[in-house]
Protein backbone atom coordinates (compact mmCIF):
# COMPACT_ATOMS: atom_id res chain seq x y z
CA UNK A 1 36.90 103.30 166.46
CA UNK A 2 39.38 106.35 167.71
CA UNK A 3 42.28 103.63 166.83
CA UNK A 4 41.15 103.10 163.99
CA UNK A 5 40.34 106.60 163.06
CA UNK A 6 43.74 107.72 164.01
CA UNK A 7 45.28 105.34 162.24
CA UNK A 8 44.23 106.39 158.98
CA UNK A 9 44.64 109.91 159.17
CA UNK A 10 48.04 108.83 159.96
CA UNK A 11 48.40 107.21 156.68
CA UNK A 12 50.34 108.85 153.58
CA UNK A 13 48.41 109.84 150.65
CA UNK A 14 51.74 109.12 148.03
CA UNK A 15 53.58 106.60 147.11
CA UNK A 16 56.53 108.78 148.39
CA UNK A 17 55.18 109.24 151.90
CA UNK A 18 55.56 113.17 151.47
CA UNK A 19 52.42 114.24 152.33
CA UNK A 20 50.60 113.45 155.44
CA UNK A 21 46.95 112.80 155.33
CA UNK A 22 46.36 114.80 158.72
CA UNK A 23 48.49 117.59 157.77
CA UNK A 24 46.76 117.87 153.73
CA UNK A 25 43.64 118.01 155.70
CA UNK A 26 44.49 120.68 157.88
CA UNK A 27 46.07 122.82 155.24
CA UNK A 28 42.66 122.19 153.19
CA UNK A 29 40.31 123.24 156.03
CA UNK A 30 43.19 126.27 156.22
CA UNK A 31 42.20 127.18 152.99
CA UNK A 32 38.55 126.65 153.15
CA UNK A 33 38.26 129.45 156.02
CA UNK A 34 40.30 131.46 154.10
CA UNK A 35 38.58 131.61 151.10
CA UNK A 36 35.52 132.49 153.52
CA UNK A 37 33.76 128.95 152.94
CA UNK A 38 33.72 129.23 156.82
CA UNK A 39 30.53 125.90 156.67
CA UNK A 40 32.43 123.92 153.94
CA UNK A 41 35.57 124.35 156.41
CA UNK A 42 33.50 123.14 159.34
CA UNK A 43 31.58 120.34 157.87
CA UNK A 44 35.53 118.95 156.68
CA UNK A 45 36.63 119.45 159.44
CA UNK A 46 33.46 117.28 161.93
CA UNK A 47 33.69 115.13 159.33
CA UNK A 48 37.74 114.49 159.03
CA UNK A 49 37.73 114.94 163.09
CA UNK A 50 40.77 117.54 162.24
CA UNK A 51 40.94 121.23 163.12
CA UNK A 52 43.09 123.18 161.65
CA UNK A 53 44.34 124.84 164.43
CA UNK A 54 46.39 122.80 167.01
CA UNK A 55 45.49 121.62 170.91
CA UNK A 56 47.65 124.47 171.69
CA UNK A 57 46.11 127.28 169.54
CA UNK A 58 42.65 125.90 170.57
CA UNK A 59 43.51 126.05 174.47
CA UNK A 60 44.93 129.53 173.74
CA UNK A 61 42.11 130.64 172.20
CA UNK A 62 39.76 130.06 174.94
CA UNK A 63 42.09 131.27 177.17
CA UNK A 64 42.94 134.42 175.59
CA UNK A 65 39.09 134.82 174.49
CA UNK A 66 37.81 134.54 178.03
CA UNK A 67 40.36 136.55 179.19
CA UNK A 68 42.07 134.11 181.50
CA UNK A 69 45.70 135.76 181.23
CA UNK A 70 48.17 133.89 183.50
CA UNK A 71 46.63 130.46 182.31
CA UNK A 72 47.50 132.22 179.21
CA UNK A 73 51.14 133.02 179.75
CA UNK A 74 51.34 129.50 181.50
CA UNK A 75 50.50 128.05 177.97
CA UNK A 76 52.92 129.98 176.09
CA UNK A 77 55.87 128.88 178.51
CA UNK A 78 54.76 125.39 178.56
CA UNK A 79 55.35 124.78 175.18
CA UNK A 80 58.15 122.70 174.01
CA UNK A 81 60.94 123.88 171.52
CA UNK A 82 59.80 127.06 171.10
CA UNK A 83 62.98 129.54 170.51
CA UNK A 84 63.09 132.21 173.43
CA UNK A 85 63.04 134.83 171.24
CA UNK A 86 59.60 133.71 169.88
CA UNK A 87 58.27 132.92 172.94
CA UNK A 88 59.33 136.35 174.37
CA UNK A 89 57.66 137.84 170.81
CA UNK A 90 54.75 135.50 171.96
CA UNK A 91 54.43 136.89 175.38
CA UNK A 92 54.80 140.08 174.57
CA UNK A 93 51.59 140.60 172.36
CA UNK A 94 49.34 138.89 175.27
CA UNK A 95 51.02 141.23 177.48
CA UNK A 96 50.67 144.79 175.18
CA UNK A 97 46.40 142.85 175.17
CA UNK A 98 46.15 142.72 178.70
CA UNK A 99 47.97 146.23 179.43
CA UNK A 100 45.44 147.48 177.09
CA UNK A 101 42.52 146.04 178.59
CA UNK A 102 44.07 147.25 182.30
CA UNK A 103 44.33 150.56 180.99
CA UNK A 104 41.00 150.95 179.61
CA UNK A 105 38.94 150.22 183.36
CA UNK A 106 41.37 152.91 184.69
CA UNK A 107 43.79 150.95 186.65
CA UNK A 108 46.80 152.95 186.06
CA UNK A 109 49.09 151.70 189.05
CA UNK A 110 48.27 148.02 188.06
CA UNK A 111 49.35 148.93 184.37
CA UNK A 112 52.43 150.62 185.41
CA UNK A 113 53.18 147.27 187.43
CA UNK A 114 52.98 145.20 184.39
CA UNK A 115 54.99 146.91 182.40
CA UNK A 116 57.83 147.24 184.90
CA UNK A 117 57.72 143.74 186.88
CA UNK A 118 57.07 141.26 183.70
CA UNK A 119 56.76 143.24 180.30
CA UNK A 120 60.53 145.17 180.91
CA UNK A 121 61.93 141.85 181.67
CA UNK A 122 61.34 140.13 178.71
CA UNK A 123 64.47 140.39 176.21
CA UNK A 124 62.92 142.72 173.52
CA UNK A 125 65.80 145.11 173.90
CA UNK A 126 64.44 149.12 176.52
CA UNK A 127 63.24 150.40 172.91
CA UNK A 128 60.65 148.31 172.09
CA UNK A 129 59.14 148.47 175.85
CA UNK A 130 60.04 152.37 175.79
CA UNK A 131 57.74 152.55 172.68
CA UNK A 132 54.69 150.68 174.25
CA UNK A 133 55.30 151.99 177.40
CA UNK A 134 55.12 155.56 175.38
CA UNK A 135 52.00 155.33 173.66
CA UNK A 136 50.05 153.63 176.29
CA UNK A 137 50.78 155.60 179.63
CA UNK A 138 51.15 158.87 177.70
CA UNK A 139 48.69 161.68 176.24
CA UNK A 140 45.35 161.68 177.65
CA UNK A 141 43.68 159.36 179.55
CA UNK A 142 42.73 156.25 177.69
CA UNK A 143 38.45 156.26 177.43
CA UNK A 144 37.09 152.79 178.16
CA UNK A 145 36.88 150.67 175.54
CA UNK A 146 33.96 148.71 174.66
CA UNK A 147 33.19 145.03 175.13
CA UNK A 148 32.67 144.28 171.16
CA UNK A 149 35.69 146.24 170.47
CA UNK A 150 37.88 144.63 173.08
CA UNK A 151 36.58 141.13 171.42
CA UNK A 152 37.63 141.99 168.12
CA UNK A 153 41.39 142.77 169.69
CA UNK A 154 41.24 139.47 171.24
CA UNK A 155 40.65 137.79 167.93
CA UNK A 156 43.30 139.97 166.05
CA UNK A 157 46.17 138.90 169.16
CA UNK A 158 45.16 135.42 168.06
CA UNK A 159 45.66 136.35 164.65
CA UNK A 160 49.18 137.99 165.34
CA UNK A 161 49.95 134.79 167.35
CA UNK A 162 49.59 132.59 164.75
CA UNK A 163 51.92 134.18 161.99
CA UNK A 164 54.48 134.40 165.54
CA UNK A 165 54.30 130.42 166.62
CA UNK A 166 55.78 128.47 164.47
CA UNK A 167 54.89 124.74 162.66
CA UNK A 168 53.06 122.52 163.43
CA UNK A 169 51.58 124.71 166.82
CA UNK A 170 50.38 127.28 163.91
CA UNK A 171 49.82 127.01 160.10
CA UNK A 172 51.74 129.89 158.20
CA UNK A 173 49.44 131.78 156.57
CA UNK A 174 47.49 130.22 153.23
CA UNK A 175 49.32 127.69 153.72
CA UNK A 176 47.75 125.66 150.98
CA UNK A 177 48.22 128.30 148.19
CA UNK A 178 51.92 128.88 148.94
CA UNK A 179 52.15 125.14 148.39
CA UNK A 180 50.28 125.61 144.86
CA UNK A 181 52.39 128.48 144.01
CA UNK A 182 55.83 126.77 144.47
CA UNK A 183 54.72 123.84 142.47
CA UNK A 184 53.71 125.85 139.73
CA UNK A 185 56.77 128.32 140.00
CA UNK A 186 58.89 125.25 139.98
CA UNK A 187 57.65 123.56 137.14
CA UNK A 188 57.84 127.03 134.90
CA UNK A 189 61.41 127.17 136.46
CA UNK A 190 61.98 123.81 134.14
CA UNK A 191 60.06 124.90 131.15
CA UNK A 192 62.87 126.41 128.96
CA UNK A 193 60.31 127.76 126.93
CA UNK A 194 58.27 129.46 129.20
CA UNK A 195 57.32 132.91 128.19
CA UNK A 196 53.34 133.82 129.21
CA UNK A 197 51.43 134.16 132.38
CA UNK A 198 48.64 132.97 130.63
CA UNK A 199 50.27 129.84 129.56
CA UNK A 200 49.92 128.60 133.67
CA UNK A 201 47.11 126.49 134.71
CA UNK A 202 46.95 124.45 137.86
CA UNK A 203 44.72 121.81 136.03
CA UNK A 204 47.73 120.07 134.57
CA UNK A 205 51.44 119.89 134.73
CA UNK A 206 53.26 122.92 133.04
CA UNK A 207 55.08 122.49 129.71
CA UNK A 208 55.34 125.06 127.43
CA UNK A 209 55.98 124.19 123.59
CA UNK A 210 58.26 125.92 120.72
CA UNK A 211 55.04 128.11 119.94
CA UNK A 212 56.05 130.39 122.73
CA UNK A 213 58.91 131.70 121.64
CA UNK A 214 59.95 133.35 118.05
CA UNK A 215 61.32 130.63 115.71
CA UNK A 216 60.14 131.40 112.21
CA UNK A 217 59.87 133.49 109.29
CA UNK A 218 56.59 133.20 107.47
CA UNK A 219 56.84 132.96 103.90
CA UNK A 220 53.79 134.56 101.85
CA UNK A 221 54.33 132.32 99.76
CA UNK A 222 53.94 129.54 101.79
CA UNK A 223 50.31 130.47 102.47
CA UNK A 224 49.36 130.35 99.03
CA UNK A 225 47.36 127.70 96.62
CA UNK A 226 49.45 125.64 93.81
CA UNK A 227 47.66 127.85 91.28
CA UNK A 228 48.41 130.57 92.59
CA UNK A 229 52.38 130.10 93.25
CA UNK A 230 52.31 128.23 89.99
CA UNK A 231 51.34 130.95 88.06
CA UNK A 232 53.67 133.44 90.14
CA UNK A 233 56.20 131.76 89.26
CA UNK A 234 55.11 131.44 85.60
CA UNK A 235 55.58 135.08 85.10
CA UNK A 236 58.69 135.51 87.43
CA UNK A 237 56.35 137.50 89.56
CA UNK A 238 58.08 137.02 93.62
CA UNK A 239 55.89 137.80 95.84
CA UNK A 240 57.90 139.49 98.88
CA UNK A 241 56.82 138.27 102.67
CA UNK A 242 55.64 140.78 104.87
CA UNK A 243 58.18 139.49 107.31
CA UNK A 244 60.88 139.90 105.55
CA UNK A 245 61.61 143.42 104.78
CA UNK A 246 63.81 144.39 101.40
CA UNK A 247 63.21 148.31 101.86
CA UNK A 248 66.99 148.93 103.19
CA UNK A 249 69.02 149.38 100.14
CA UNK A 250 72.19 148.01 101.57
CA UNK A 251 73.72 146.05 104.97
CA UNK A 252 71.21 146.57 107.74
CA UNK A 253 73.13 147.71 110.91
CA UNK A 254 70.78 148.14 113.86
CA UNK A 255 66.85 147.55 114.54
CA UNK A 256 64.66 148.15 117.75
CA UNK A 257 61.26 148.05 118.40
CA UNK A 258 59.58 150.71 120.39
CA UNK A 259 58.64 150.49 124.04
CA UNK A 260 54.72 149.74 123.48
CA UNK A 261 55.68 147.24 120.95
CA UNK A 262 54.03 149.38 117.98
CA UNK A 263 56.62 150.19 115.28
CA UNK A 264 60.44 149.18 115.08
CA UNK A 265 62.95 151.49 113.41
CA UNK A 266 66.05 150.27 111.40
CA UNK A 267 69.10 151.47 110.31
CA UNK A 268 71.31 150.77 107.33
CA UNK A 269 74.57 152.04 105.53
CA UNK A 270 72.15 153.02 102.51
CA UNK A 271 72.34 156.23 105.09
CA UNK A 272 69.05 155.88 105.68
CA UNK A 273 66.27 154.86 108.86
CA UNK A 274 63.09 153.17 108.54
CA UNK A 275 60.42 153.55 110.52
CA UNK A 276 58.09 149.83 110.27
CA UNK A 277 54.36 149.53 112.03
CA UNK A 278 53.86 146.57 113.37
CA UNK A 279 50.26 145.02 112.46
CA UNK A 280 47.73 143.26 115.08
CA UNK A 281 48.55 140.12 112.86
CA UNK A 282 52.17 140.71 113.39
CA UNK A 283 52.98 141.82 109.63
CA UNK A 284 54.87 145.19 109.45
CA UNK A 285 54.06 147.97 107.02
CA UNK A 286 56.40 151.14 106.20
CA UNK A 287 55.42 154.19 108.04
CA UNK A 288 58.38 157.04 107.03
CA UNK A 289 61.93 156.91 105.62
CA UNK A 290 64.37 159.01 107.37
CA UNK A 291 66.74 160.46 105.07
CA UNK A 292 69.15 163.17 106.17
CA UNK A 293 72.24 161.24 107.22
CA UNK A 294 74.80 162.12 104.62
CA UNK A 295 76.70 158.55 105.93
CA UNK A 296 75.77 155.26 106.82
CA UNK A 297 73.33 155.36 110.12
CA UNK A 298 74.66 152.96 112.62
CA UNK A 299 72.28 153.13 115.96
CA UNK A 300 68.69 154.42 116.55
CA UNK A 301 67.11 154.76 119.95
CA UNK A 302 63.47 155.55 121.41
CA UNK A 303 62.58 157.52 123.37
CA UNK A 304 60.14 156.12 126.58
CA UNK A 305 57.50 157.85 125.19
CA UNK A 306 58.14 156.68 121.96
CA UNK A 307 57.35 160.01 120.13
CA UNK A 308 60.96 160.62 119.19
CA UNK A 309 63.40 158.55 117.79
CA UNK A 310 67.25 159.11 117.54
CA UNK A 311 69.60 158.20 114.62
CA UNK A 312 73.34 158.36 114.97
CA UNK A 313 75.39 158.62 111.77
CA UNK A 314 78.90 156.87 111.43
CA UNK A 315 80.98 159.58 112.11
CA UNK A 316 78.38 162.10 111.75
CA UNK A 317 75.76 164.09 113.94
CA UNK A 318 73.01 162.76 116.08
CA UNK A 319 69.56 163.32 115.09
CA UNK A 320 66.02 163.55 116.51
CA UNK A 321 63.21 162.07 114.52
CA UNK A 322 59.09 163.23 115.27
CA UNK A 323 58.32 159.53 115.21
CA UNK A 324 54.33 160.50 113.99
CA UNK A 325 55.48 163.16 111.47
CA UNK A 326 59.25 161.70 110.16
CA UNK A 327 60.80 165.09 110.27
CA UNK A 328 63.73 166.15 111.77
CA UNK A 329 63.26 167.45 115.03
CA UNK A 330 67.15 168.58 116.28
CA UNK A 331 70.35 167.78 115.26
CA UNK A 332 72.83 167.41 117.82
CA UNK A 333 76.48 167.86 117.64
CA UNK A 334 78.25 169.05 114.43
CA UNK A 335 79.96 167.53 111.33
CA UNK A 336 83.50 166.44 113.70
CA UNK A 337 81.39 164.87 116.35
CA UNK A 338 82.04 161.47 116.23
CA UNK A 339 78.94 159.76 117.67
CA UNK A 340 79.03 155.79 118.71
CA UNK A 341 75.87 155.58 120.62
CA UNK A 342 72.75 157.00 122.52
CA UNK A 343 70.49 156.82 125.07
CA UNK A 344 67.33 158.36 126.75
CA UNK A 345 66.11 159.23 130.16
CA UNK A 346 62.87 157.89 131.91
CA UNK A 347 61.42 161.32 131.03
CA UNK A 348 62.09 161.74 127.51
CA UNK A 349 63.34 164.66 127.84
CA UNK A 350 67.28 164.39 128.58
CA UNK A 351 69.34 162.31 126.49
CA UNK A 352 72.98 161.29 126.83
CA UNK A 353 75.44 160.39 123.75
CA UNK A 354 78.95 159.34 123.49
CA UNK A 355 81.56 159.69 120.83
CA UNK A 356 84.45 157.49 120.12
CA UNK A 357 86.83 160.86 120.37
CA UNK A 358 88.04 160.86 123.57
CA UNK A 359 88.33 164.75 123.75
CA UNK A 360 84.38 164.86 122.92
CA UNK A 361 83.24 162.23 125.68
CA UNK A 362 80.09 161.82 126.62
CA UNK A 363 77.05 164.61 126.45
CA UNK A 364 73.86 165.14 128.66
CA UNK A 365 71.32 167.16 126.58
CA UNK A 366 67.69 168.19 126.70
CA UNK A 367 65.84 167.70 123.73
CA UNK A 368 65.93 171.27 122.66
CA UNK A 369 69.78 170.76 122.39
CA UNK A 370 70.62 171.96 125.39
CA UNK A 371 73.53 170.41 127.32
CA UNK A 372 73.17 169.59 130.58
CA UNK A 373 76.57 168.00 131.44
CA UNK A 374 79.55 166.56 129.79
CA UNK A 375 81.94 164.56 130.37
CA UNK A 376 85.70 165.15 128.28
CA UNK A 377 88.68 165.32 128.47
CA UNK A 378 92.27 164.37 127.48
CA UNK A 379 92.05 161.09 129.86
CA UNK A 380 88.73 160.27 128.69
CA UNK A 381 88.81 156.70 126.96
CA UNK A 382 87.38 156.54 124.28
CA UNK A 383 83.43 155.53 124.56
CA UNK A 384 82.53 152.29 122.40
CA UNK A 385 78.70 152.16 123.50
CA UNK A 386 76.39 153.40 126.24
CA UNK A 387 73.03 152.81 127.56
CA UNK A 388 70.79 154.75 130.33
CA UNK A 389 69.22 151.62 133.04
CA UNK A 390 65.16 152.26 132.20
CA UNK A 391 64.83 153.22 136.19
CA UNK A 392 67.43 156.11 135.21
CA UNK A 393 69.38 155.71 138.05
CA UNK A 394 72.63 154.26 136.07
CA UNK A 395 74.69 154.78 133.27
CA UNK A 396 76.62 152.20 131.83
CA UNK A 397 79.37 152.34 129.40
CA UNK A 398 81.48 150.54 127.44
CA UNK A 399 85.55 152.42 127.77
CA UNK A 400 88.46 151.14 126.22
CA UNK A 401 87.47 147.80 124.28
CA UNK A 402 87.55 146.00 127.58
CA UNK A 403 85.95 147.96 130.32
CA UNK A 404 82.70 147.98 131.64
CA UNK A 405 81.41 151.31 133.54
CA UNK A 406 78.51 151.24 135.96
CA UNK A 407 77.99 154.74 137.29
CA UNK A 408 74.63 155.39 139.82
CA UNK A 409 73.66 159.30 138.65
CA UNK A 410 71.87 159.36 142.25
CA UNK A 411 75.17 158.62 144.62
CA UNK A 412 77.70 158.94 141.83
CA UNK A 413 78.82 155.97 142.80
CA UNK A 414 81.00 153.92 139.96
CA UNK A 415 81.95 150.71 139.74
CA UNK A 416 84.28 149.22 136.81
CA UNK A 417 83.87 145.84 135.10
CA UNK A 418 86.78 144.28 133.53
CA UNK A 419 86.53 141.98 131.08
CA UNK A 420 89.44 139.78 129.13
CA UNK A 421 88.42 140.09 125.82
CA UNK A 422 86.82 143.16 123.42
CA UNK A 423 83.59 144.16 124.13
CA UNK A 424 81.56 145.48 121.10
CA UNK A 425 78.23 146.52 122.50
CA UNK A 426 76.05 146.57 125.09
CA UNK A 427 71.88 145.94 125.96
CA UNK A 428 70.06 146.28 129.34
CA UNK A 429 67.35 144.15 130.85
CA UNK A 430 63.54 146.46 131.03
CA UNK A 431 63.53 145.58 134.62
CA UNK A 432 67.09 147.56 135.22
CA UNK A 433 68.66 144.44 136.89
CA UNK A 434 71.10 143.11 134.24
CA UNK A 435 73.27 144.24 130.89
CA UNK A 436 74.60 141.95 128.50
CA UNK A 437 77.70 142.39 126.78
CA UNK A 438 78.71 140.69 123.37
CA UNK A 439 82.94 139.79 122.93
CA UNK A 440 84.62 139.02 119.89
CA UNK A 441 85.80 136.01 121.75
CA UNK A 442 82.41 134.51 120.79
CA UNK A 443 80.55 134.57 124.31
CA UNK A 444 78.13 136.68 125.56
CA UNK A 445 78.17 137.85 129.20
CA UNK A 446 75.53 139.03 131.69
CA UNK A 447 75.95 140.80 134.58
CA UNK A 448 74.16 142.25 137.65
CA UNK A 449 73.96 145.46 137.12
CA UNK A 450 73.74 146.23 140.93
CA UNK A 451 77.33 144.19 141.82
CA UNK A 452 76.33 141.65 143.50
CA UNK A 453 78.20 139.11 141.38
CA UNK A 454 81.55 137.80 141.37
CA UNK A 455 81.62 136.32 137.96
CA UNK A 456 78.94 136.94 134.77
CA UNK A 457 76.55 134.09 133.30
CA UNK A 458 78.52 132.76 130.31
CA UNK A 459 76.47 132.44 126.29
CA UNK A 460 77.81 130.66 123.91
CA UNK A 461 77.62 128.95 120.22
CA UNK A 462 76.76 131.91 118.02
CA UNK A 463 79.67 132.95 115.95
CA UNK A 464 81.41 136.84 116.91
CA UNK A 465 85.40 137.53 115.94
CA UNK A 466 85.65 140.79 114.02
CA UNK A 467 81.92 142.55 113.99
CA UNK A 468 80.28 144.19 116.02
CA UNK A 469 76.78 141.94 117.12
CA UNK A 470 74.07 142.94 118.93
CA UNK A 471 72.13 140.78 121.98
CA UNK A 472 69.06 141.59 123.43
CA UNK A 473 66.74 140.43 126.29
CA UNK A 474 63.48 139.23 125.54
CA UNK A 475 60.26 137.22 126.44
CA UNK A 476 58.03 137.01 129.29
CA UNK A 477 60.75 138.50 132.27
CA UNK A 478 63.10 139.00 129.77
CA UNK A 479 63.86 135.08 130.41
CA UNK A 480 65.49 135.01 126.69
CA UNK A 481 68.41 136.29 125.24
CA UNK A 482 68.70 136.41 121.44
CA UNK A 483 72.23 137.55 119.64
CA UNK A 484 72.97 137.97 115.56
CA UNK A 485 75.67 135.85 114.92
CA UNK A 486 78.42 135.89 111.96
CA UNK A 487 77.38 132.31 110.77
CA UNK A 488 73.79 134.61 109.10
CA UNK A 489 71.99 132.51 112.06
CA UNK A 490 70.27 133.94 114.91
CA UNK A 491 70.99 132.22 118.19
CA UNK A 492 68.13 132.30 121.23
CA UNK A 493 68.88 131.11 124.92
CA UNK A 494 67.12 130.64 127.68
CA UNK A 495 68.67 132.94 130.37
CA UNK A 496 69.46 129.85 132.93
CA UNK A 497 71.29 127.76 129.90
CA UNK A 498 74.63 128.67 128.24
CA UNK A 499 74.02 126.82 125.53
CA UNK A 500 71.58 127.57 122.60
CA UNK A 501 68.11 127.17 122.78
CA UNK A 502 67.25 127.99 119.32
CA UNK A 503 69.34 128.42 116.33
CA UNK A 504 67.10 130.06 113.68
CA UNK A 505 68.14 129.99 109.61
CA UNK A 506 67.21 132.36 107.65
CA UNK A 507 69.55 135.42 106.36
CA UNK A 508 72.07 134.66 103.83
CA UNK A 509 74.69 136.91 105.85
CA UNK A 510 75.97 138.18 109.15
CA UNK A 511 73.00 139.24 111.54
CA UNK A 512 74.40 141.94 113.02
CA UNK A 513 71.42 143.27 115.76
CA UNK A 514 68.11 141.39 117.12
CA UNK A 515 65.59 143.31 119.23
CA UNK A 516 62.38 141.48 121.03
CA UNK A 517 59.01 142.96 120.84
CA UNK A 518 58.72 143.58 124.50
CA UNK A 519 54.54 144.07 124.63
CA UNK A 520 54.41 140.80 121.99
CA UNK A 521 56.88 138.02 123.29
CA UNK A 522 56.31 135.89 120.24
CA UNK A 523 58.03 138.84 117.40
CA UNK A 524 61.67 138.91 117.23
CA UNK A 525 63.44 140.77 114.43
CA UNK A 526 66.94 140.58 113.05
CA UNK A 527 68.79 142.78 110.42
CA UNK A 528 71.27 141.57 108.56
CA UNK A 529 74.48 142.42 105.86
CA UNK A 530 72.32 140.35 103.23
CA UNK A 531 69.94 143.30 103.08
CA UNK A 532 67.31 142.33 104.76
CA UNK A 533 65.01 142.28 108.06
CA UNK A 534 63.21 139.37 109.12
CA UNK A 535 60.51 139.23 111.90
CA UNK A 536 60.39 135.54 113.52
CA UNK A 537 57.41 134.37 114.92
CA UNK A 538 56.01 131.51 116.01
CA UNK A 539 56.24 128.47 114.69
CA UNK A 540 53.17 127.14 112.55
CA UNK A 541 51.57 123.59 114.16
CA UNK A 542 53.06 121.44 112.24
CA UNK A 543 56.49 122.25 113.17
CA UNK A 544 55.99 122.17 116.67
CA UNK A 545 57.74 119.76 119.19
CA UNK A 546 55.95 117.79 121.42
């Protein structure tokens, strides 16, 4: 009977022979205990005649709870295949408990002998032994420890030994949960469209569809009845889609969603910037038109708290606007100050801007216009673009077309990244770990800001030769990259692949800039020379890929 049972337990659960039945039951029992279902765990142990604790661990448990320290040490020394380091760590834990109990009985001489002769002989380093001796023997004499406390400390010792001893003697903590987590993570990693934690379930294999990312611009006419559409066409009345914004009167050069995802800012060569409110249904409504610049507005930047917006006029001053009222709060620089780009620090109280004029360089101001710091001079190269990482630790600057400089604002250490082709724009991930640069070689490169990569990850497929094209991170955990293109399309990549995942068709001229909503990963905005802004959303059900 026992032979039949053991043969049954040794069988495999899967056709590939990767899962042993005995091990599988063992991790299930451990999971039940860790979740608090002790009766169910004990019942399964009895029915399957399997314990999640190995024979060695059960023997150690009996010896420790019974304070049979010599037998416990013999067991540890008798376990084969333990490395010297693991064995020494386990023995040290046992000695530590033994020493505590000896001291609680007031036997200082025996404790000192244990420290000198046995604990000191362990290959654990003098510092660890000295720390134990100081903690146990210094100060006031230890009072007697109650029996129930001693019992609890012995149980904790068993838990610590389970963490030290390797499989199969002891199972790693929460082994089944960890295995399931690894399986789900592997499926997510293989899912090119994954963009939501809510889309994951362990009840079935995970695979997202195209509806997880923005791929379509919804036309208002497409959702009306045939009769209404025919009447509108008859009267030559074109109903503008709320997802195709046509309020700018010239080329739209820049778009950026606010950090809370509730607003969108756009700027145009018509010398204006517009603030849009994002509605719950994804529609956008005009909030403010910002008209004060005398030249085209080439760049905008939201303050981290989303209460203020910076606008850069082309070869003009930098302006700061109140988002709620739409009024200009401050003008930085003078008419001779050529601003190329700007960025905020995390406190929303400081900002930095760069100039294409080498003599102007880089300025750091507070929101009242007081200069905090400046990097300028004859040897200062022109600044094409810059950004402060969201954590405020690094200032990243594009200098002289082919050079990226990463300045650590905490340590003042500077790192230079050289590209072979001209860089047109810069974008930083929300977690401050990565940066994107668009190159006129028709590639986008992603570098790690920490500087551990020798080469960048590269993305291709879009078209960029002579214009400034801007890209961005987006989606869940910034898993995606989007970029405009000179062929009038929007390109989307999964960060793990250099080839485009989606090519969005809709604009009729160059797409200059894109912005992915940081709070609503199914919304993407694109700005084009065709004077429109398109808001892309998830694909409709009848167009989804299987």
